[in-house]
């Protein structure tokens, strides 16, 4: 299938030809759809904690965290390009003519380009944009009045301006305060100081792209001392990059390797599932996982901080019970029925009807990584949600499932999907060590059949790309899973620039 030159390229990328061949087979054969067994239900598969239960969970975490190593893990490698999609389109199409201006006026919705200009002063980056215009000897206010809209967008997005179109999302100004504005990186540091602090201080790990690593480090170096002084702690920031060997081969529409202009094979990053390797390199007792853009200003942080402690307390409590059951079953198998009941009620795994766990199965299921996932009530957002999922033996387990994994052309599957009540905001706390204190190899607990095929283009040519099982989807398919309902205010992602004008980000 591959020429000698292509085999050399594959090996230089850190893959084997067998691995690349398997990826192409996935394009040809596709990935099997996930089989939904049932939606999650409050009180059974999603915990809705009372006030006293929340207080108890917070107390558990606060009592135990100084005995634990705690890391806050933040995927932050993506550029902000998609966040400015509407502005890039405007930049390439707006001519300044009366006709174009009337088109601009025609849509004044909160997601529109008109709304962006009307509320320009509301953005945290406004002062920086104004300074860039001052450097050019032009007042931003004057440019605005004169409808120099293309110039405003150009200075915001392009390299000789603020370069926001190419910077990572984590380094954009998101929130305004009286004395300064903060980036998502800073907001994560502030968050971490309030729930991820232990006797060892605060440890935060950002996954970044190689091209942005230097500016990440420079930004952190500029701001870290002030937060250490404010919160009276030390903050250790570490970084990693998505590993080249996690990239996947792209193919043309005929499932042949897609070739670059020089004849070489095109490799593409394989989505956030590739970050399982990075997560696997973190050695800690408790790992908080949260996306870079899901941050809020200080006035709204209290619930986020409290619920991080809640889900961490739930993790430590269930983890200790799990360890106790493992030790019991090492000594005596007479409690197997009770162990199976614990697994069914607390660890999100149930055998097929009429079947029971063997002692070996019970021990294997108990001895797995544990994740507690915050879930918000669905408000129509697209993306992953919590479901009971059936395996090929009829057993069911709690999983986070992306819409792309589901065969919605199947009426029964669509019916289950439509009954979903909750949404996955990527609010996860992970326990990645076993009852002997040894770290699990997380690569052993993923489902390689839970990948994605997507259609993209390059140089005007269509291609198909392959994503690895998602970090919180198929990559954690064989973890023990607990879902806890958390309030919607804890989920405030920024997908487009105008989202920064929402009250939650002002």
Protein backbone atom coordinates (compact mmCIF):
# COMPACT_ATOMS: atom_id res chain seq x y z
CA UNK A 1 0.00 0.00 0.00
CA UNK A 2 2.83 2.41 0.83
CA UNK A 3 5.95 3.21 -1.17
CA UNK A 4 9.35 3.10 0.49
CA UNK A 5 9.36 6.89 0.77
CA UNK A 6 5.91 6.86 2.37
CA UNK A 7 6.93 4.14 4.83
CA UNK A 8 9.89 6.29 5.84
CA UNK A 9 7.60 9.30 6.32
CA UNK A 10 5.20 7.23 8.44
CA UNK A 11 8.04 6.00 10.64
CA UNK A 12 9.46 9.50 11.01
CA UNK A 13 6.03 10.58 12.24
CA UNK A 14 6.27 8.00 15.03
CA UNK A 15 3.84 5.47 13.54
CA UNK A 16 4.26 2.03 12.06
CA UNK A 17 2.98 1.05 8.63
CA UNK A 18 0.67 -1.45 10.36
CA UNK A 19 -0.80 1.41 12.39
CA UNK A 20 -1.29 3.57 9.28
CA UNK A 21 -2.86 0.63 7.43
CA UNK A 22 -5.30 0.11 10.32
CA UNK A 23 -6.29 3.78 10.13
CA UNK A 24 -7.06 3.43 6.42
CA UNK A 25 -9.08 0.27 7.16
CA UNK A 26 -11.13 2.38 9.57
CA UNK A 27 -11.95 4.77 6.71
CA UNK A 28 -12.99 1.86 4.50
CA UNK A 29 -15.02 -0.02 7.12
CA UNK A 30 -16.14 2.88 9.30
CA UNK A 31 -16.63 2.80 13.05
CA UNK A 32 -19.61 0.92 14.52
CA UNK A 33 -22.26 3.17 16.06
CA UNK A 34 -22.61 3.28 19.81
CA UNK A 35 -25.72 1.42 20.96
CA UNK A 36 -27.75 3.48 23.39
CA UNK A 37 -29.60 1.34 25.93
CA UNK A 38 -31.37 4.09 27.88
CA UNK A 39 -31.15 7.76 28.80
CA UNK A 40 -29.83 8.69 32.21
CA UNK A 41 -32.35 9.37 34.96
CA UNK A 42 -32.07 11.63 38.00
CA UNK A 43 -31.77 9.53 41.14
CA UNK A 44 -30.54 6.43 39.31
CA UNK A 45 -27.78 7.27 36.86
CA UNK A 46 -27.40 10.99 37.61
CA UNK A 47 -26.93 11.98 41.23
CA UNK A 48 -28.87 15.05 42.34
CA UNK A 49 -27.32 15.89 45.66
CA UNK A 50 -29.13 17.53 48.53
CA UNK A 51 -27.58 20.52 50.30
CA UNK A 52 -26.36 18.29 53.12
CA UNK A 53 -24.89 15.80 50.64
CA UNK A 54 -23.08 18.61 48.82
CA UNK A 55 -21.71 19.93 52.10
CA UNK A 56 -20.57 16.43 53.03
CA UNK A 57 -18.81 15.97 49.68
CA UNK A 58 -17.04 19.32 50.00
CA UNK A 59 -15.97 18.40 53.55
CA UNK A 60 -14.61 15.04 52.33
CA UNK A 61 -12.53 16.72 49.65
CA UNK A 62 -11.21 19.48 51.90
CA UNK A 63 -10.21 16.96 54.58
CA UNK A 64 -8.39 14.65 52.17
CA UNK A 65 -6.84 16.92 49.56
CA UNK A 66 -3.74 17.73 51.60
CA UNK A 67 -3.02 14.00 51.60
CA UNK A 68 -3.38 13.89 47.82
CA UNK A 69 -1.53 15.21 44.81
CA UNK A 70 -3.93 17.35 42.82
CA UNK A 71 -3.55 18.57 39.21
CA UNK A 72 -5.82 20.75 37.09
CA UNK A 73 -5.56 19.55 33.46
CA UNK A 74 -6.65 22.04 30.78
CA UNK A 75 -6.67 21.23 27.02
CA UNK A 76 -5.59 24.56 25.51
CA UNK A 77 -3.91 23.79 22.21
CA UNK A 78 -6.58 25.04 19.81
CA UNK A 79 -6.26 28.34 17.93
CA UNK A 80 -9.16 30.79 18.20
CA UNK A 81 -9.77 30.83 14.42
CA UNK A 82 -13.26 29.26 14.63
CA UNK A 83 -14.25 31.77 17.29
CA UNK A 84 -13.94 34.50 14.66
CA UNK A 85 -15.50 32.64 11.73
CA UNK A 86 -18.16 35.32 11.08
CA UNK A 87 -15.57 38.11 11.21
CA UNK A 88 -13.24 36.32 8.78
CA UNK A 89 -16.18 35.93 6.39
CA UNK A 90 -17.03 39.61 6.82
CA UNK A 91 -13.39 40.60 6.18
CA UNK A 92 -13.31 38.73 2.88
CA UNK A 93 -16.74 39.79 1.62
CA UNK A 94 -17.53 43.30 2.91
CA UNK A 95 -16.77 46.01 0.36
CA UNK A 96 -18.08 49.05 2.22
CA UNK A 97 -20.75 49.70 -0.42
CA UNK A 98 -24.22 50.88 0.53
CA UNK A 99 -25.55 47.47 -0.47
CA UNK A 100 -23.14 45.67 1.85
CA UNK A 101 -23.90 48.13 4.64
CA UNK A 102 -27.61 47.43 4.29
CA UNK A 103 -26.86 43.69 4.48
CA UNK A 104 -24.91 44.36 7.67
CA UNK A 105 -27.90 46.23 9.13
CA UNK A 106 -30.32 43.50 8.12
CA UNK A 107 -29.14 41.10 10.83
CA UNK A 108 -28.88 42.69 14.27
CA UNK A 109 -29.22 39.50 16.30
CA UNK A 110 -26.84 38.83 19.24
CA UNK A 111 -24.76 36.52 17.02
CA UNK A 112 -24.42 39.01 14.16
CA UNK A 113 -21.47 41.06 12.97
CA UNK A 114 -23.60 44.20 13.44
CA UNK A 115 -24.00 43.29 17.12
CA UNK A 116 -20.22 42.86 17.38
CA UNK A 117 -19.63 46.42 16.18
CA UNK A 118 -22.49 47.92 18.16
CA UNK A 119 -21.10 46.51 21.41
CA UNK A 120 -17.39 46.78 20.59
CA UNK A 121 -16.61 48.65 23.81
CA UNK A 122 -18.03 45.75 25.80
CA UNK A 123 -15.17 43.43 24.89
CA UNK A 124 -12.27 42.96 27.28
CA UNK A 125 -9.85 43.43 24.38
CA UNK A 126 -11.26 46.86 23.49
CA UNK A 127 -8.46 48.81 25.20
CA UNK A 128 -5.80 46.74 23.40
CA UNK A 129 -7.55 47.32 20.09
CA UNK A 130 -7.75 51.04 20.82
CA UNK A 131 -4.02 51.10 21.60
CA UNK A 132 -3.24 49.45 18.25
CA UNK A 133 -5.19 52.18 16.46
CA UNK A 134 -3.40 54.85 18.51
CA UNK A 135 -0.07 53.42 17.31
CA UNK A 136 -1.29 54.00 13.77
CA UNK A 137 -2.26 57.60 14.56
CA UNK A 138 -5.97 56.85 14.21
CA UNK A 139 -8.62 56.99 16.91
CA UNK A 140 -10.61 53.76 17.11
CA UNK A 141 -13.72 55.79 17.92
CA UNK A 142 -13.24 57.80 14.73
CA UNK A 143 -12.74 54.65 12.67
CA UNK A 144 -15.95 53.30 14.14
CA UNK A 145 -17.94 56.45 13.34
CA UNK A 146 -16.58 56.44 9.78
CA UNK A 147 -17.66 52.81 9.37
CA UNK A 148 -14.09 51.61 8.79
CA UNK A 149 -15.32 48.19 9.77
CA UNK A 150 -12.90 46.16 7.70
CA UNK A 151 -9.95 47.99 9.21
CA UNK A 152 -11.25 47.35 12.73
CA UNK A 153 -11.63 43.62 12.05
CA UNK A 154 -8.26 43.49 10.30
CA UNK A 155 -6.46 45.08 13.28
CA UNK A 156 -8.19 42.65 15.63
CA UNK A 157 -7.51 39.46 13.68
CA UNK A 158 -4.38 39.89 11.60
CA UNK A 159 -0.72 39.55 12.44
CA UNK A 160 0.20 43.23 12.28
CA UNK A 161 -2.59 43.97 14.76
CA UNK A 162 -3.66 41.94 17.80
CA UNK A 163 -3.42 38.69 15.79
CA UNK A 164 -6.46 37.27 17.58
CA UNK A 165 -7.34 35.18 14.56
CA UNK A 166 -4.25 33.03 15.03
CA UNK A 167 -3.61 33.14 18.76
CA UNK A 168 -4.72 30.27 21.01
CA UNK A 169 -8.05 30.91 22.70
CA UNK A 170 -6.38 30.73 26.10
CA UNK A 171 -4.43 33.95 25.48
CA UNK A 172 -7.29 36.22 24.38
CA UNK A 173 -8.69 38.84 26.73
CA UNK A 174 -12.03 37.42 27.93
CA UNK A 175 -13.11 39.35 31.01
CA UNK A 176 -12.86 42.96 32.18
CA UNK A 177 -12.08 43.95 35.75
CA UNK A 178 -11.61 47.39 37.30
CA UNK A 179 -7.83 47.38 37.06
CA UNK A 180 -7.16 44.95 34.18
CA UNK A 181 -8.56 42.26 31.90
CA UNK A 182 -7.95 38.53 32.16
CA UNK A 183 -7.31 35.73 29.72
CA UNK A 184 -8.78 32.22 30.16
CA UNK A 185 -5.33 31.10 31.31
CA UNK A 186 -5.52 33.59 34.17
CA UNK A 187 -9.08 32.59 35.04
CA UNK A 188 -7.99 28.94 35.26
CA UNK A 189 -5.14 29.95 37.57
CA UNK A 190 -7.59 31.87 39.79
CA UNK A 191 -9.96 28.88 39.79
CA UNK A 192 -7.15 26.46 40.56
CA UNK A 193 -6.02 28.52 43.54
CA UNK A 194 -9.50 28.16 45.03
CA UNK A 195 -10.20 24.45 44.61
CA UNK A 196 -7.02 22.65 43.46
CA UNK A 197 -4.71 23.94 46.18
CA UNK A 198 -3.08 21.42 48.51
CA UNK A 199 -0.06 21.45 50.80
CA UNK A 200 2.02 21.20 47.63
CA UNK A 201 0.49 24.39 46.25
CA UNK A 202 -1.41 24.53 42.98
CA UNK A 203 -0.44 22.44 39.96
CA UNK A 204 -1.96 23.27 36.57
CA UNK A 205 -1.14 21.53 33.31
CA UNK A 206 -1.94 23.08 29.93
CA UNK A 207 -1.74 21.15 26.68
CA UNK A 208 -0.53 23.61 24.05
CA UNK A 209 0.57 23.61 20.42
CA UNK A 210 4.29 23.80 19.75
CA UNK A 211 3.95 27.07 17.86
CA UNK A 212 2.27 28.75 20.85
CA UNK A 213 4.26 27.29 23.73
CA UNK A 214 6.66 30.23 24.04
CA UNK A 215 3.92 32.84 24.20
CA UNK A 216 1.99 30.75 26.72
CA UNK A 217 5.04 30.56 28.94
CA UNK A 218 5.73 34.26 28.51
CA UNK A 219 2.17 35.21 29.44
CA UNK A 220 2.18 32.97 32.51
CA UNK A 221 5.54 34.38 33.57
CA UNK A 222 4.09 37.90 33.38
CA UNK A 223 1.05 37.20 35.59
CA UNK A 224 1.80 34.30 37.91
CA UNK A 225 3.39 36.23 40.79
CA UNK A 226 0.37 38.44 41.34
CA UNK A 227 -1.92 35.42 41.75
CA UNK A 228 0.51 33.64 44.05
CA UNK A 229 0.56 36.75 46.24
CA UNK A 230 -3.21 37.18 46.12
CA UNK A 231 -3.95 33.60 47.17
CA UNK A 232 -0.88 33.01 49.35
CA UNK A 233 0.28 29.90 47.54
CA UNK A 234 2.71 28.68 44.92
CA UNK A 235 1.44 27.89 41.43
CA UNK A 236 3.37 25.39 39.32
CA UNK A 237 2.45 25.47 35.63
CA UNK A 238 3.46 22.63 33.33
CA UNK A 239 2.91 22.14 29.61
CA UNK A 240 2.76 19.38 27.05
CA UNK A 241 2.11 19.17 23.33
CA UNK A 242 -0.02 16.75 21.36
CA UNK A 243 2.30 13.94 20.32
CA UNK A 244 2.96 13.57 16.55
CA UNK A 245 2.49 9.82 16.78
CA UNK A 246 -1.18 10.41 17.68
CA UNK A 247 -1.81 12.08 14.29
CA UNK A 248 -3.84 10.13 11.75
CA UNK A 249 -3.49 9.63 8.01
CA UNK A 250 -5.96 11.62 5.90
CA UNK A 251 -7.50 9.99 2.81
CA UNK A 252 -9.18 11.22 -0.35
CA UNK A 253 -12.81 10.40 -1.07
CA UNK A 254 -11.71 7.06 -2.51
CA UNK A 255 -9.98 6.11 0.79
CA UNK A 256 -6.48 6.46 -0.67
CA UNK A 257 -3.86 8.39 1.32
CA UNK A 258 -4.33 12.11 0.67
CA UNK A 259 -1.20 13.62 -0.85
CA UNK A 260 0.25 17.05 -0.23
CA UNK A 261 1.50 19.11 -3.16
CA UNK A 262 4.97 17.57 -2.77
CA UNK A 263 3.58 14.04 -2.93
CA UNK A 264 3.92 13.32 0.80
CA UNK A 265 1.08 11.86 2.88
CA UNK A 266 -1.07 14.33 4.81
CA UNK A 267 -1.23 13.65 8.55
CA UNK A 268 -3.79 15.49 10.69
CA UNK A 269 -4.19 15.98 14.45
CA UNK A 270 -6.63 13.36 15.70
CA UNK A 271 -8.89 15.51 17.91
CA UNK A 272 -8.95 15.79 21.68
CA UNK A 273 -8.76 12.00 21.99
CA UNK A 274 -5.06 12.34 21.17
CA UNK A 275 -4.64 14.06 24.54
CA UNK A 276 -5.18 10.76 26.35
CA UNK A 277 -1.44 10.29 25.95
CA UNK A 278 -0.84 13.63 27.71
CA UNK A 279 -3.31 12.83 30.48
CA UNK A 280 -1.65 9.45 30.91
CA UNK A 281 1.65 11.20 31.63
CA UNK A 282 0.18 13.06 34.62
CA UNK A 283 1.04 11.39 37.92
CA UNK A 284 -1.49 12.61 40.48
CA UNK A 285 -4.18 11.26 42.80
CA UNK A 286 -6.86 13.70 41.67
CA UNK A 287 -6.99 15.30 38.21
CA UNK A 288 -9.54 17.98 37.35
CA UNK A 289 -10.32 18.19 33.63
CA UNK A 290 -11.95 21.26 32.11
CA UNK A 291 -11.83 23.03 28.73
CA UNK A 292 -9.90 26.27 28.30
CA UNK A 293 -12.88 28.43 27.26
CA UNK A 294 -15.29 27.42 30.05
CA UNK A 295 -14.49 30.20 32.52
CA UNK A 296 -16.44 33.01 34.16
CA UNK A 297 -15.55 36.27 35.94
CA UNK A 298 -14.95 36.28 39.70
CA UNK A 299 -18.51 37.35 40.53
CA UNK A 300 -19.81 34.01 39.15
CA UNK A 301 -17.02 31.68 40.29
CA UNK A 302 -18.44 30.60 43.64
CA UNK A 303 -20.74 27.88 42.33
CA UNK A 304 -18.07 26.60 39.94
CA UNK A 305 -15.57 26.32 42.79
CA UNK A 306 -18.06 24.67 45.14
CA UNK A 307 -19.16 22.11 42.59
CA UNK A 308 -15.57 21.23 41.69
CA UNK A 309 -15.11 20.39 45.36
CA UNK A 310 -18.41 18.48 45.34
CA UNK A 311 -17.50 16.19 42.45
CA UNK A 312 -13.99 15.68 43.86
CA UNK A 313 -15.52 14.73 47.22
CA UNK A 314 -17.84 12.26 45.50
CA UNK A 315 -14.83 10.79 43.70
CA UNK A 316 -12.77 10.32 46.87
CA UNK A 317 -15.71 8.82 48.77
CA UNK A 318 -16.65 6.30 46.05
CA UNK A 319 -12.99 5.56 45.36
CA UNK A 320 -12.42 4.63 49.00
CA UNK A 321 -15.48 2.37 48.99
CA UNK A 322 -14.19 0.76 45.77
CA UNK A 323 -10.79 0.13 47.32
CA UNK A 324 -12.48 -1.41 50.39
CA UNK A 325 -14.45 -3.79 48.18
CA UNK A 326 -11.30 -4.84 46.34
CA UNK A 327 -9.60 -5.70 49.62
CA UNK A 328 -12.68 -7.61 50.81
CA UNK A 329 -12.85 -9.68 47.65
CA UNK A 330 -9.16 -10.50 47.94
CA UNK A 331 -9.91 -12.20 51.25
CA UNK A 332 -13.40 -13.58 50.75
CA UNK A 333 -15.76 -14.00 47.81
CA UNK A 334 -18.88 -14.52 49.92
CA UNK A 335 -19.79 -10.83 49.58
CA UNK A 336 -19.85 -11.01 45.77
CA UNK A 337 -23.59 -10.24 45.54
CA UNK A 338 -23.16 -7.09 47.62
CA UNK A 339 -20.10 -6.11 45.60
CA UNK A 340 -22.11 -6.47 42.39
CA UNK A 341 -24.85 -4.32 43.89
CA UNK A 342 -22.27 -1.65 44.73
CA UNK A 343 -20.88 -1.78 41.18
CA UNK A 344 -24.37 -1.45 39.70
CA UNK A 345 -25.47 1.39 41.97
CA UNK A 346 -22.27 3.41 42.21
CA UNK A 347 -19.87 2.59 39.36
CA UNK A 348 -22.13 2.69 36.32
CA UNK A 349 -21.84 -0.94 35.17
CA UNK A 350 -24.57 -3.60 34.96
CA UNK A 351 -24.50 -7.12 33.59
CA UNK A 352 -26.93 -8.27 30.93
CA UNK A 353 -30.35 -9.35 32.30
CA UNK A 354 -30.19 -12.75 33.99
CA UNK A 355 -26.40 -12.70 34.33
CA UNK A 356 -24.19 -12.10 37.34
CA UNK A 357 -20.58 -11.09 37.76
CA UNK A 358 -17.95 -13.71 38.48
CA UNK A 359 -15.42 -12.94 41.20
CA UNK A 360 -12.79 -12.26 38.51
CA UNK A 361 -15.11 -9.89 36.65
CA UNK A 362 -16.02 -8.03 39.82
CA UNK A 363 -12.37 -7.52 40.75
CA UNK A 364 -11.52 -6.37 37.21
CA UNK A 365 -14.37 -3.84 37.15
CA UNK A 366 -13.56 -2.51 40.61
CA UNK A 367 -9.91 -2.13 39.66
CA UNK A 368 -10.34 0.56 36.98
CA UNK A 369 -9.85 4.32 36.76
CA UNK A 370 -12.78 6.32 38.14
CA UNK A 371 -14.26 9.53 36.78
CA UNK A 372 -16.96 11.74 38.21
CA UNK A 373 -18.58 13.90 35.54
CA UNK A 374 -20.64 16.99 36.20
CA UNK A 375 -23.75 17.06 34.00
CA UNK A 376 -26.01 20.03 33.30
CA UNK A 377 -29.65 19.92 32.26
CA UNK A 378 -29.84 20.04 28.49
CA UNK A 379 -30.77 23.38 26.96
CA UNK A 380 -30.44 22.35 23.34
CA UNK A 381 -26.67 22.57 23.01
CA UNK A 382 -25.21 20.17 20.45
CA UNK A 383 -22.59 17.68 21.53
CA UNK A 384 -22.07 14.84 23.98
CA UNK A 385 -24.48 13.61 26.59
CA UNK A 386 -24.74 10.88 29.23
CA UNK A 387 -26.37 7.56 28.36
CA UNK A 388 -26.49 3.92 29.33
CA UNK A 389 -24.63 2.15 26.51
CA UNK A 390 -24.90 -1.53 25.59
CA UNK A 391 -21.85 -3.60 24.63
CA UNK A 392 -21.83 -6.63 22.31
CA UNK A 393 -22.55 -8.97 25.26
CA UNK A 394 -25.60 -7.06 26.44
CA UNK A 395 -23.91 -5.46 29.43
CA UNK A 396 -24.58 -1.76 29.96
CA UNK A 397 -22.39 1.04 31.30
CA UNK A 398 -22.58 4.77 31.80
CA UNK A 399 -20.88 6.66 28.98
CA UNK A 400 -20.51 10.15 27.58
CA UNK A 401 -21.58 9.85 23.94
CA UNK A 402 -21.13 12.32 21.08
CA UNK A 403 -23.98 12.74 18.61
CA UNK A 404 -21.66 11.59 15.80
CA UNK A 405 -21.36 8.16 17.48
CA UNK A 406 -25.11 7.48 17.32
CA UNK A 407 -27.09 6.03 14.40
CA UNK A 408 -29.94 8.54 14.45
CA UNK A 409 -31.45 6.92 11.35
CA UNK A 410 -32.38 4.03 13.63
CA UNK A 411 -35.81 4.91 15.12
CA UNK A 412 -35.17 3.16 18.44
CA UNK A 413 -31.82 4.90 18.88
CA UNK A 414 -33.31 8.26 17.97
CA UNK A 415 -36.06 7.70 20.53
CA UNK A 416 -33.51 7.11 23.32
CA UNK A 417 -31.45 10.07 22.15
CA UNK A 418 -34.50 12.36 22.22
CA UNK A 419 -35.22 11.34 25.81
CA UNK A 420 -31.88 12.72 26.99
CA UNK A 421 -32.23 15.25 29.79
CA UNK A 422 -28.60 16.21 30.40
CA UNK A 423 -25.58 17.50 28.55
CA UNK A 424 -21.84 16.97 29.02
CA UNK A 425 -20.04 20.25 29.81
CA UNK A 426 -16.60 18.56 30.11
CA UNK A 427 -16.51 18.94 33.88
CA UNK A 428 -14.60 15.87 35.04
CA UNK A 429 -12.52 14.81 38.00
CA UNK A 430 -10.40 11.70 37.57
CA UNK A 431 -8.99 9.09 39.93
CA UNK A 432 -6.20 7.38 38.02
CA UNK A 433 -4.48 5.28 40.71
CA UNK A 434 -5.43 1.84 41.99
CA UNK A 435 -5.95 0.71 45.56
CA UNK A 436 -2.22 0.05 45.93
CA UNK A 437 -1.39 3.61 44.89
CA UNK A 438 -0.07 2.60 41.47
CA UNK A 439 -1.10 4.65 38.45
CA UNK A 440 -3.26 2.96 35.83
CA UNK A 441 -2.10 2.87 32.23
CA UNK A 442 -5.02 4.82 30.82
CA UNK A 443 -4.36 3.59 27.28
CA UNK A 444 -5.65 0.18 28.37
CA UNK A 445 -9.12 1.55 29.21
CA UNK A 446 -10.12 3.16 25.92
CA UNK A 447 -12.40 1.78 23.22
CA UNK A 448 -10.55 1.95 19.88
CA UNK A 449 -13.83 1.38 18.04
CA UNK A 450 -15.26 4.70 19.23
CA UNK A 451 -13.49 6.95 16.70
CA UNK A 452 -14.96 9.47 14.26
CA UNK A 453 -14.75 10.06 10.51
CA UNK A 454 -15.21 13.66 9.37
CA UNK A 455 -15.06 15.39 6.00
CA UNK A 456 -12.59 18.27 5.53
CA UNK A 457 -10.76 19.93 2.66
CA UNK A 458 -7.25 21.06 1.80
CA UNK A 459 -6.06 23.11 -1.16
CA UNK A 460 -9.60 23.03 -2.51
CA UNK A 461 -9.78 19.22 -2.43
CA UNK A 462 -12.16 17.18 -0.28
CA UNK A 463 -10.67 14.69 2.15
CA UNK A 464 -11.69 12.47 5.02
CA UNK A 465 -10.10 12.83 8.45
CA UNK A 466 -10.11 10.46 11.39
CA UNK A 467 -10.34 11.38 15.05
CA UNK A 468 -9.28 9.10 17.86
CA UNK A 469 -11.88 8.14 20.49
CA UNK A 470 -12.69 11.38 22.29
CA UNK A 471 -10.86 12.13 25.53
CA UNK A 472 -14.04 12.03 27.64
CA UNK A 473 -15.90 9.65 25.27
CA UNK A 474 -14.29 6.52 23.87
CA UNK A 475 -10.94 7.17 25.54
CA UNK A 476 -12.64 6.70 28.93
CA UNK A 477 -15.07 4.00 27.81
CA UNK A 478 -13.78 1.41 30.29
CA UNK A 479 -13.51 3.69 33.30
CA UNK A 480 -15.93 3.47 36.20
CA UNK A 481 -18.29 6.42 35.78
CA UNK A 482 -20.42 8.54 38.09
CA UNK A 483 -22.64 11.40 36.87
CA UNK A 484 -23.54 14.29 39.17
CA UNK A 485 -25.95 17.07 38.23
CA UNK A 486 -24.30 20.50 38.36
CA UNK A 487 -25.93 23.91 37.72
CA UNK A 488 -25.96 25.43 34.26
CA UNK A 489 -23.97 28.44 35.47
CA UNK A 490 -20.91 26.17 35.65
CA UNK A 491 -21.02 25.79 31.85
CA UNK A 492 -20.20 28.98 29.94
CA UNK A 493 -18.07 28.15 26.90
CA UNK A 494 -17.02 30.75 24.35
CA UNK A 495 -17.60 29.32 20.88
CA UNK A 496 -17.91 32.62 19.00
CA UNK A 497 -16.60 36.09 19.80
CA UNK A 498 -20.07 37.46 20.54
CA UNK A 499 -20.43 34.94 23.38
CA UNK A 500 -18.13 37.27 25.32
CA UNK A 501 -20.96 39.81 25.33
CA UNK A 502 -23.28 37.48 27.23
CA UNK A 503 -24.00 38.50 30.84
CA UNK A 504 -22.01 35.49 32.09
CA UNK A 505 -18.83 36.98 30.61
CA UNK A 506 -19.39 40.65 31.44
